[in-house]
Amino acid sequence: MSQQLTIDVYFDFICPWCLIGKQHLDAALAQWQNENPNLIAEINWHGVQLLPELPTAGVPFDEFYLRRLGSTLSVHKRQQQVQQAATSTGITIDFAMIKTMPNTAAAHRLFSQAAALGGTPRRDTLLKRLFTAYFHRGENLGSPEVLLEIAEECGYSLSEFPCDLLRDSGCYSPTTTQHVTNSVPYFEINNQLGLSGAQPASVLLEAFLRVQSPIIAETSFHD
C-alpha cells in the first residue's frame, strides 16, 4: 500500500540556509524512499520574500552585510559558518561572486508561475538553477532578463510567462500565507508537523516517521 508524504517548504532564494536545508531534505528523502519504496512524496515550494523593503534593483551585497552585521570581521565569521555548513552537505557557496543583494519578488513570481505550469522535473530543475545562479555564479536574481534566460535554459518558453510578470512592484505576496514566516527554511509535513531551520537529514527522517502510521514508525529507520 502506498504511503503519501506531503512536504511544504517555505524559502527564499537569497537564504543560504534554505539551500542547505534543501540539500538535507534531498538526502532525507533519498534514504526514506530507499527504505520505503512505496512512498509517494509531494514537495510544494512556497516563496517567502525576506527583504521586501529592498529596492527593485537591489543593493550592493558587501555593503548590505557590513551594515547588517556591523564589521568586516563579523561578516567574515558569518560567511565562514555558512560555508562550513554548506560544505558538509556537499555544496559550495562562493560569496566572493555575489555582487548584488537582490529584491527576490521577480524571482518568486517566475518560480510560482513555473510551478503552476506543471511538470515537477522541470520545476525542480529551475529551482536548483536559481539557487545556483545566486550562490555559485553571482547572477542577479532581481534582473528580469537574467531570470528569463534561466527559465529558457530550464526548458520554459518565454510565451509561458505574462509579459509583465517580472516587472511589477518589488513586493511578492504568496498565494498561501498562513505559514509564511521570516524564519526560513520552514518545513511542514503532512499538515501535521512543522520544522524551522536547516534541519539535518536525520531530524527530517524522524519527522517523516512521526507523521506516518505506527507500523511504519516501528519498522523503519532504526540505527
C-alpha atoms as a PDB file:
ATOM      1  CA  MET A   1       0.000   0.000   0.000  1.00  0.00           C
ATOM      2  CA  SER A   2       1.375   3.412  -0.959  1.00  0.00           C
ATOM      3  CA  GLN A   3       2.211   5.960   1.713  1.00  0.00           C
ATOM      4  CA  GLN A   4       1.660   9.656   0.995  1.00  0.00           C
ATOM      5  CA  LEU A   5       4.147  12.216   2.240  1.00  0.00           C
ATOM      6  CA  THR A   6       3.449  15.879   1.516  1.00  0.00           C
ATOM      7  CA  ILE A   7       6.111  18.418   2.405  1.00  0.00           C
ATOM      8  CA  ASP A   8       5.540  22.149   2.147  1.00  0.00           C
ATOM      9  CA  VAL A   9       8.781  24.115   2.131  1.00  0.00           C
ATOM     10  CA  TYR A  10       8.924  27.876   2.717  1.00  0.00           C
ATOM     11  CA  PHE A  11      12.092  29.510   1.406  1.00  0.00           C
ATOM     12  CA  ASP A  12      13.825  32.476  -0.173  1.00  0.00           C
ATOM     13  CA  PHE A  13      16.440  32.289  -2.916  1.00  0.00           C
ATOM     14  CA  ILE A  14      18.868  34.593  -1.075  1.00  0.00           C
ATOM     15  CA  CYS A  15      18.833  32.491   2.112  1.00  0.00           C
ATOM     16  CA  PRO A  16      21.877  30.180   2.235  1.00  0.00           C
ATOM     17  CA  TRP A  17      20.225  28.113   4.949  1.00  0.00           C
ATOM     18  CA  CYS A  18      17.388  27.405   2.509  1.00  0.00           C
ATOM     19  CA  LEU A  19      19.872  25.952   0.030  1.00  0.00           C
ATOM     20  CA  ILE A  20      21.499  23.929   2.807  1.00  0.00           C
ATOM     21  CA  GLY A  21      18.072  22.827   4.052  1.00  0.00           C
ATOM     22  CA  LYS A  22      17.159  21.708   0.535  1.00  0.00           C
ATOM     23  CA  GLN A  23      20.289  19.539   0.463  1.00  0.00           C
ATOM     24  CA  HIS A  24      19.304  17.964   3.788  1.00  0.00           C
ATOM     25  CA  LEU A  25      15.770  17.392   2.511  1.00  0.00           C
ATOM     26  CA  ASP A  26      17.047  15.719  -0.663  1.00  0.00           C
ATOM     27  CA  ALA A  27      19.255  13.412   1.404  1.00  0.00           C
ATOM     28  CA  ALA A  28      16.444  12.561   3.821  1.00  0.00           C
ATOM     29  CA  LEU A  29      14.006  11.784   1.011  1.00  0.00           C
ATOM     30  CA  ALA A  30      16.556   9.621  -0.813  1.00  0.00           C
ATOM     31  CA  GLN A  31      17.101   7.489   2.280  1.00  0.00           C
ATOM     32  CA  TRP A  32      13.420   7.353   3.178  1.00  0.00           C
ATOM     33  CA  GLN A  33      12.363   6.316  -0.312  1.00  0.00           C
ATOM     34  CA  ASN A  34      15.123   3.730  -0.459  1.00  0.00           C
ATOM     35  CA  GLU A  35      13.784   2.150   2.737  1.00  0.00           C
ATOM     36  CA  ASN A  36      10.125   2.710   1.829  1.00  0.00           C
ATOM     37  CA  PRO A  37       9.830   2.116  -1.937  1.00  0.00           C
ATOM     38  CA  ASN A  38       6.036   2.549  -1.908  1.00  0.00           C
ATOM     39  CA  LEU A  39       6.346   6.104  -0.639  1.00  0.00           C
ATOM     40  CA  ILE A  40       4.702   8.806  -2.706  1.00  0.00           C
ATOM     41  CA  ALA A  41       6.355  12.138  -1.908  1.00  0.00           C
ATOM     42  CA  GLU A  42       4.992  15.509  -2.976  1.00  0.00           C
ATOM     43  CA  ILE A  43       7.098  18.605  -2.368  1.00  0.00           C
ATOM     44  CA  ASN A  44       5.466  22.030  -2.553  1.00  0.00           C
ATOM     45  CA  TRP A  45       7.736  25.082  -2.591  1.00  0.00           C
ATOM     46  CA  HIS A  46       6.426  28.398  -1.244  1.00  0.00           C
ATOM     47  CA  GLY A  47       8.362  31.596  -1.768  1.00  0.00           C
ATOM     48  CA  VAL A  48       8.894  33.924   1.193  1.00  0.00           C
ATOM     49  CA  GLN A  49      10.411  37.328   0.484  1.00  0.00           C
ATOM     50  CA  LEU A  50      12.739  38.000   3.398  1.00  0.00           C
ATOM     51  CA  LEU A  51      13.694  41.525   2.371  1.00  0.00           C
ATOM     52  CA  PRO A  52      10.705  43.103   0.613  1.00  0.00           C
ATOM     53  CA  GLU A  53      11.980  46.552   1.539  1.00  0.00           C
ATOM     54  CA  LEU A  54      14.955  46.282  -0.817  1.00  0.00           C
ATOM     55  CA  PRO A  55      14.754  48.458  -3.935  1.00  0.00           C
ATOM     56  CA  THR A  56      13.784  46.621  -7.095  1.00  0.00           C
ATOM     57  CA  ALA A  57      17.326  46.976  -8.414  1.00  0.00           C
ATOM     58  CA  GLY A  58      18.790  45.533  -5.199  1.00  0.00           C
ATOM     59  CA  VAL A  59      21.736  46.876  -3.219  1.00  0.00           C
ATOM     60  CA  PRO A  60      25.492  46.118  -3.176  1.00  0.00           C
ATOM     61  CA  PHE A  61      25.982  42.780  -1.427  1.00  0.00           C
ATOM     62  CA  ASP A  62      29.083  43.660   0.614  1.00  0.00           C
ATOM     63  CA  GLU A  63      27.640  46.960   1.794  1.00  0.00           C
ATOM     64  CA  PHE A  64      24.395  45.282   2.816  1.00  0.00           C
ATOM     65  CA  TYR A  65      26.092  42.758   5.091  1.00  0.00           C
ATOM     66  CA  LEU A  66      28.525  45.280   6.507  1.00  0.00           C
ATOM     67  CA  ARG A  67      25.591  47.442   7.618  1.00  0.00           C
ATOM     68  CA  ARG A  68      23.689  44.401   8.868  1.00  0.00           C
ATOM     69  CA  LEU A  69      26.480  42.807  10.913  1.00  0.00           C
ATOM     70  CA  GLY A  70      28.497  45.869  11.827  1.00  0.00           C
ATOM     71  CA  SER A  71      32.058  44.880  10.935  1.00  0.00           C
ATOM     72  CA  THR A  72      34.135  43.096   8.317  1.00  0.00           C
ATOM     73  CA  LEU A  73      35.164  40.527  10.934  1.00  0.00           C
ATOM     74  CA  SER A  74      31.538  39.703  11.763  1.00  0.00           C
ATOM     75  CA  VAL A  75      30.728  39.323   8.085  1.00  0.00           C
ATOM     76  CA  HIS A  76      33.702  37.001   7.604  1.00  0.00           C
ATOM     77  CA  LYS A  77      32.723  34.846  10.590  1.00  0.00           C
ATOM     78  CA  ARG A  78      29.117  34.564   9.415  1.00  0.00           C
ATOM     79  CA  GLN A  79      30.129  33.635   5.885  1.00  0.00           C
ATOM     80  CA  GLN A  80      32.643  31.106   7.158  1.00  0.00           C
ATOM     81  CA  GLN A  81      29.936  29.482   9.287  1.00  0.00           C
ATOM     82  CA  VAL A  82      27.629  29.222   6.294  1.00  0.00           C
ATOM     83  CA  GLN A  83      30.347  27.870   4.018  1.00  0.00           C
ATOM     84  CA  GLN A  84      31.264  25.158   6.522  1.00  0.00           C
ATOM     85  CA  ALA A  85      27.617  24.106   6.829  1.00  0.00           C
ATOM     86  CA  ALA A  86      27.281  24.048   3.040  1.00  0.00           C
ATOM     87  CA  THR A  87      30.447  22.009   2.595  1.00  0.00           C
ATOM     88  CA  SER A  88      29.090  19.386   4.993  1.00  0.00           C
ATOM     89  CA  THR A  89      26.212  18.806   2.546  1.00  0.00           C
ATOM     90  CA  GLY A  90      28.487  18.537  -0.482  1.00  0.00           C
ATOM     91  CA  ILE A  91      27.955  22.011  -1.948  1.00  0.00           C
ATOM     92  CA  THR A  92      29.942  25.214  -2.080  1.00  0.00           C
ATOM     93  CA  ILE A  93      28.821  28.814  -1.676  1.00  0.00           C
ATOM     94  CA  ASP A  94      31.005  31.486  -3.249  1.00  0.00           C
ATOM     95  CA  PHE A  95      30.235  34.779  -1.526  1.00  0.00           C
ATOM     96  CA  ALA A  96      33.007  36.498  -3.490  1.00  0.00           C
ATOM     97  CA  MET A  97      30.957  36.009  -6.656  1.00  0.00           C
ATOM     98  CA  ILE A  98      27.875  37.762  -5.278  1.00  0.00           C
ATOM     99  CA  LYS A  99      27.807  41.472  -6.089  1.00  0.00           C
ATOM    100  CA  THR A 100      24.132  42.310  -5.535  1.00  0.00           C
ATOM    101  CA  MET A 101      21.684  41.589  -2.734  1.00  0.00           C
ATOM    102  CA  PRO A 102      18.587  41.377  -4.951  1.00  0.00           C
ATOM    103  CA  ASN A 103      14.948  42.017  -4.347  1.00  0.00           C
ATOM    104  CA  THR A 104      13.570  38.493  -4.922  1.00  0.00           C
ATOM    105  CA  ALA A 105       9.991  39.415  -5.811  1.00  0.00           C
ATOM    106  CA  ALA A 106      10.517  38.809  -9.542  1.00  0.00           C
ATOM    107  CA  ALA A 107      12.324  35.501  -8.926  1.00  0.00           C
ATOM    108  CA  HIS A 108       9.458  34.266  -6.766  1.00  0.00           C
ATOM    109  CA  ARG A 109       6.895  35.317  -9.354  1.00  0.00           C
ATOM    110  CA  LEU A 110       8.819  33.464 -12.040  1.00  0.00           C
ATOM    111  CA  PHE A 111       9.097  30.306  -9.959  1.00  0.00           C
ATOM    112  CA  SER A 112       5.463  30.455  -8.847  1.00  0.00           C
ATOM    113  CA  GLN A 113       4.316  30.714 -12.464  1.00  0.00           C
ATOM    114  CA  ALA A 114       6.626  27.853 -13.448  1.00  0.00           C
ATOM    115  CA  ALA A 115       5.240  25.654 -10.679  1.00  0.00           C
ATOM    116  CA  ALA A 116       1.679  26.459 -11.777  1.00  0.00           C
ATOM    117  CA  LEU A 117       2.515  25.332 -15.316  1.00  0.00           C
ATOM    118  CA  GLY A 118       3.111  21.801 -14.018  1.00  0.00           C
ATOM    119  CA  GLY A 119       5.910  19.338 -14.638  1.00  0.00           C
ATOM    120  CA  THR A 120       7.786  18.557 -11.430  1.00  0.00           C
ATOM    121  CA  PRO A 121      11.162  17.686 -13.048  1.00  0.00           C
ATOM    122  CA  ARG A 122      11.242  20.981 -14.951  1.00  0.00           C
ATOM    123  CA  ARG A 123      10.191  22.912 -11.850  1.00  0.00           C
ATOM    124  CA  ASP A 124      12.878  21.234  -9.747  1.00  0.00           C
ATOM    125  CA  THR A 125      15.497  21.975 -12.399  1.00  0.00           C
ATOM    126  CA  LEU A 126      14.500  25.647 -12.306  1.00  0.00           C
ATOM    127  CA  LEU A 127      14.657  25.750  -8.508  1.00  0.00           C
ATOM    128  CA  LYS A 128      18.145  24.277  -8.472  1.00  0.00           C
ATOM    129  CA  ARG A 129      19.289  26.593 -11.258  1.00  0.00           C
ATOM    130  CA  LEU A 130      18.021  29.695  -9.439  1.00  0.00           C
ATOM    131  CA  PHE A 131      19.904  28.742  -6.291  1.00  0.00           C
ATOM    132  CA  THR A 132      22.993  28.056  -8.412  1.00  0.00           C
ATOM    133  CA  ALA A 133      22.596  31.408 -10.152  1.00  0.00           C
ATOM    134  CA  TYR A 134      22.847  33.272  -6.884  1.00  0.00           C
ATOM    135  CA  PHE A 135      25.185  31.264  -4.675  1.00  0.00           C
ATOM    136  CA  HIS A 136      27.535  29.768  -7.276  1.00  0.00           C
ATOM    137  CA  ARG A 137      27.510  32.175 -10.218  1.00  0.00           C
ATOM    138  CA  GLY A 138      26.721  35.512  -8.616  1.00  0.00           C
ATOM    139  CA  GLU A 139      23.943  36.255 -11.106  1.00  0.00           C
ATOM    140  CA  ASN A 140      21.445  38.981 -10.237  1.00  0.00           C
ATOM    141  CA  LEU A 141      18.101  37.368  -9.399  1.00  0.00           C
ATOM    142  CA  GLY A 142      16.477  40.792  -9.445  1.00  0.00           C
ATOM    143  CA  SER A 143      17.062  41.170 -13.183  1.00  0.00           C
ATOM    144  CA  PRO A 144      14.087  40.144 -15.382  1.00  0.00           C
ATOM    145  CA  GLU A 145      16.468  39.484 -18.261  1.00  0.00           C
ATOM    146  CA  VAL A 146      18.606  37.120 -16.175  1.00  0.00           C
ATOM    147  CA  LEU A 147      15.531  35.322 -14.843  1.00  0.00           C
ATOM    148  CA  LEU A 148      14.040  34.750 -18.281  1.00  0.00           C
ATOM    149  CA  GLU A 149      17.359  33.454 -19.613  1.00  0.00           C
ATOM    150  CA  ILE A 150      17.487  30.982 -16.729  1.00  0.00           C
ATOM    151  CA  ALA A 151      13.901  29.883 -17.404  1.00  0.00           C
ATOM    152  CA  GLU A 152      14.729  29.233 -21.051  1.00  0.00           C
ATOM    153  CA  GLU A 153      17.770  27.186 -20.007  1.00  0.00           C
ATOM    154  CA  CYS A 154      15.433  25.023 -17.919  1.00  0.00           C
ATOM    155  CA  GLY A 155      13.090  24.290 -20.809  1.00  0.00           C
ATOM    156  CA  TYR A 156      10.478  27.007 -20.441  1.00  0.00           C
ATOM    157  CA  SER A 157       9.233  29.124 -23.301  1.00  0.00           C
ATOM    158  CA  LEU A 158       9.019  32.867 -22.761  1.00  0.00           C
ATOM    159  CA  SER A 159       5.448  32.683 -24.059  1.00  0.00           C
ATOM    160  CA  GLU A 160       4.562  30.753 -20.887  1.00  0.00           C
ATOM    161  CA  PHE A 161       5.144  33.859 -18.773  1.00  0.00           C
ATOM    162  CA  PRO A 162       2.967  37.003 -18.903  1.00  0.00           C
ATOM    163  CA  CYS A 163       4.941  39.901 -20.342  1.00  0.00           C
ATOM    164  CA  ASP A 164       4.565  41.989 -17.166  1.00  0.00           C
ATOM    165  CA  LEU A 165       5.127  39.134 -14.706  1.00  0.00           C
ATOM    166  CA  LEU A 166       8.621  40.240 -13.691  1.00  0.00           C
ATOM    167  CA  ARG A 167       8.121  43.993 -13.913  1.00  0.00           C
ATOM    168  CA  ASP A 168       5.626  44.585 -11.103  1.00  0.00           C
ATOM    169  CA  SER A 169       6.468  46.292  -7.826  1.00  0.00           C
ATOM    170  CA  GLY A 170       9.187  44.974  -5.548  1.00  0.00           C
ATOM    171  CA  CYS A 171       6.776  43.064  -3.312  1.00  0.00           C
ATOM    172  CA  TYR A 172       5.727  39.437  -3.632  1.00  0.00           C
ATOM    173  CA  SER A 173       2.567  38.111  -1.992  1.00  0.00           C
ATOM    174  CA  PRO A 174       2.460  34.302  -1.961  1.00  0.00           C
ATOM    175  CA  THR A 175      -0.833  32.550  -2.584  1.00  0.00           C
ATOM    176  CA  THR A 176      -0.511  30.599   0.659  1.00  0.00           C
ATOM    177  CA  THR A 177       0.156  32.859   3.634  1.00  0.00           C
ATOM    178  CA  GLN A 178      -0.896  31.018   6.786  1.00  0.00           C
ATOM    179  CA  HIS A 179       2.581  29.621   7.455  1.00  0.00           C
ATOM    180  CA  VAL A 180       4.703  32.351   5.924  1.00  0.00           C
ATOM    181  CA  THR A 181       7.408  33.251   8.381  1.00  0.00           C
ATOM    182  CA  ASN A 182      10.611  35.247   8.408  1.00  0.00           C
ATOM    183  CA  SER A 183      12.347  32.163   9.767  1.00  0.00           C
ATOM    184  CA  VAL A 184      13.148  30.111   6.702  1.00  0.00           C
ATOM    185  CA  PRO A 185      13.573  27.408   5.679  1.00  0.00           C
ATOM    186  CA  TYR A 186      10.391  26.098   7.227  1.00  0.00           C
ATOM    187  CA  PHE A 187       9.144  22.565   6.579  1.00  0.00           C
ATOM    188  CA  GLU A 188       5.569  21.432   7.148  1.00  0.00           C
ATOM    189  CA  ILE A 189       4.972  17.707   6.835  1.00  0.00           C
ATOM    190  CA  ASN A 190       1.530  16.314   6.039  1.00  0.00           C
ATOM    191  CA  ASN A 191      -0.027  19.450   7.566  1.00  0.00           C
ATOM    192  CA  GLN A 192       0.827  17.942  10.959  1.00  0.00           C
ATOM    193  CA  LEU A 193       4.381  18.792  11.906  1.00  0.00           C
ATOM    194  CA  GLY A 194       6.436  21.941  11.339  1.00  0.00           C
ATOM    195  CA  LEU A 195      10.206  22.296  11.500  1.00  0.00           C
ATOM    196  CA  SER A 196      12.087  25.592  11.297  1.00  0.00           C
ATOM    197  CA  GLY A 197      15.659  25.964  10.097  1.00  0.00           C
ATOM    198  CA  ALA A 198      18.088  23.895   8.023  1.00  0.00           C
ATOM    199  CA  GLN A 199      17.418  20.721   9.977  1.00  0.00           C
ATOM    200  CA  PRO A 200      19.799  17.762   9.474  1.00  0.00           C
ATOM    201  CA  ALA A 201      18.590  14.882   7.327  1.00  0.00           C
ATOM    202  CA  SER A 202      18.294  12.703  10.446  1.00  0.00           C
ATOM    203  CA  VAL A 203      15.834  15.156  12.036  1.00  0.00           C
ATOM    204  CA  LEU A 204      13.759  15.284   8.855  1.00  0.00           C
ATOM    205  CA  LEU A 205      13.712  11.491   8.701  1.00  0.00           C
ATOM    206  CA  GLU A 206      12.413  11.281  12.246  1.00  0.00           C
ATOM    207  CA  ALA A 207       9.734  13.810  11.337  1.00  0.00           C
ATOM    208  CA  PHE A 208       8.671  11.666   8.383  1.00  0.00           C
ATOM    209  CA  LEU A 209       8.264   8.751  10.781  1.00  0.00           C
ATOM    210  CA  ARG A 210       6.150  10.731  13.219  1.00  0.00           C
ATOM    211  CA  VAL A 211       3.531  11.563  10.621  1.00  0.00           C
ATOM    212  CA  GLN A 212       3.349   8.049   9.188  1.00  0.00           C
ATOM    213  CA  SER A 213       1.446   5.068  10.568  1.00  0.00           C
ATOM    214  CA  PRO A 214       2.640   3.446  13.824  1.00  0.00           C
ATOM    215  CA  ILE A 215       3.504   0.277  11.915  1.00  0.00           C
ATOM    216  CA  ILE A 216       5.948   2.096   9.661  1.00  0.00           C
ATOM    217  CA  ALA A 217       7.346   4.047  12.586  1.00  0.00           C
ATOM    218  CA  GLU A 218       8.136   0.797  14.390  1.00  0.00           C
ATOM    219  CA  THR A 219       9.811  -0.910  11.441  1.00  0.00           C
ATOM    220  CA  SER A 220      11.718   1.830   9.640  1.00  0.00           C
ATOM    221  CA  PHE A 221      14.854   3.902  10.199  1.00  0.00           C
ATOM    222  CA  HIS A 222      16.442   2.388  13.245  1.00  0.00           C
ATOM    223  CA  ASP A 223      20.206   2.653  13.726  1.00  0.00           C
END
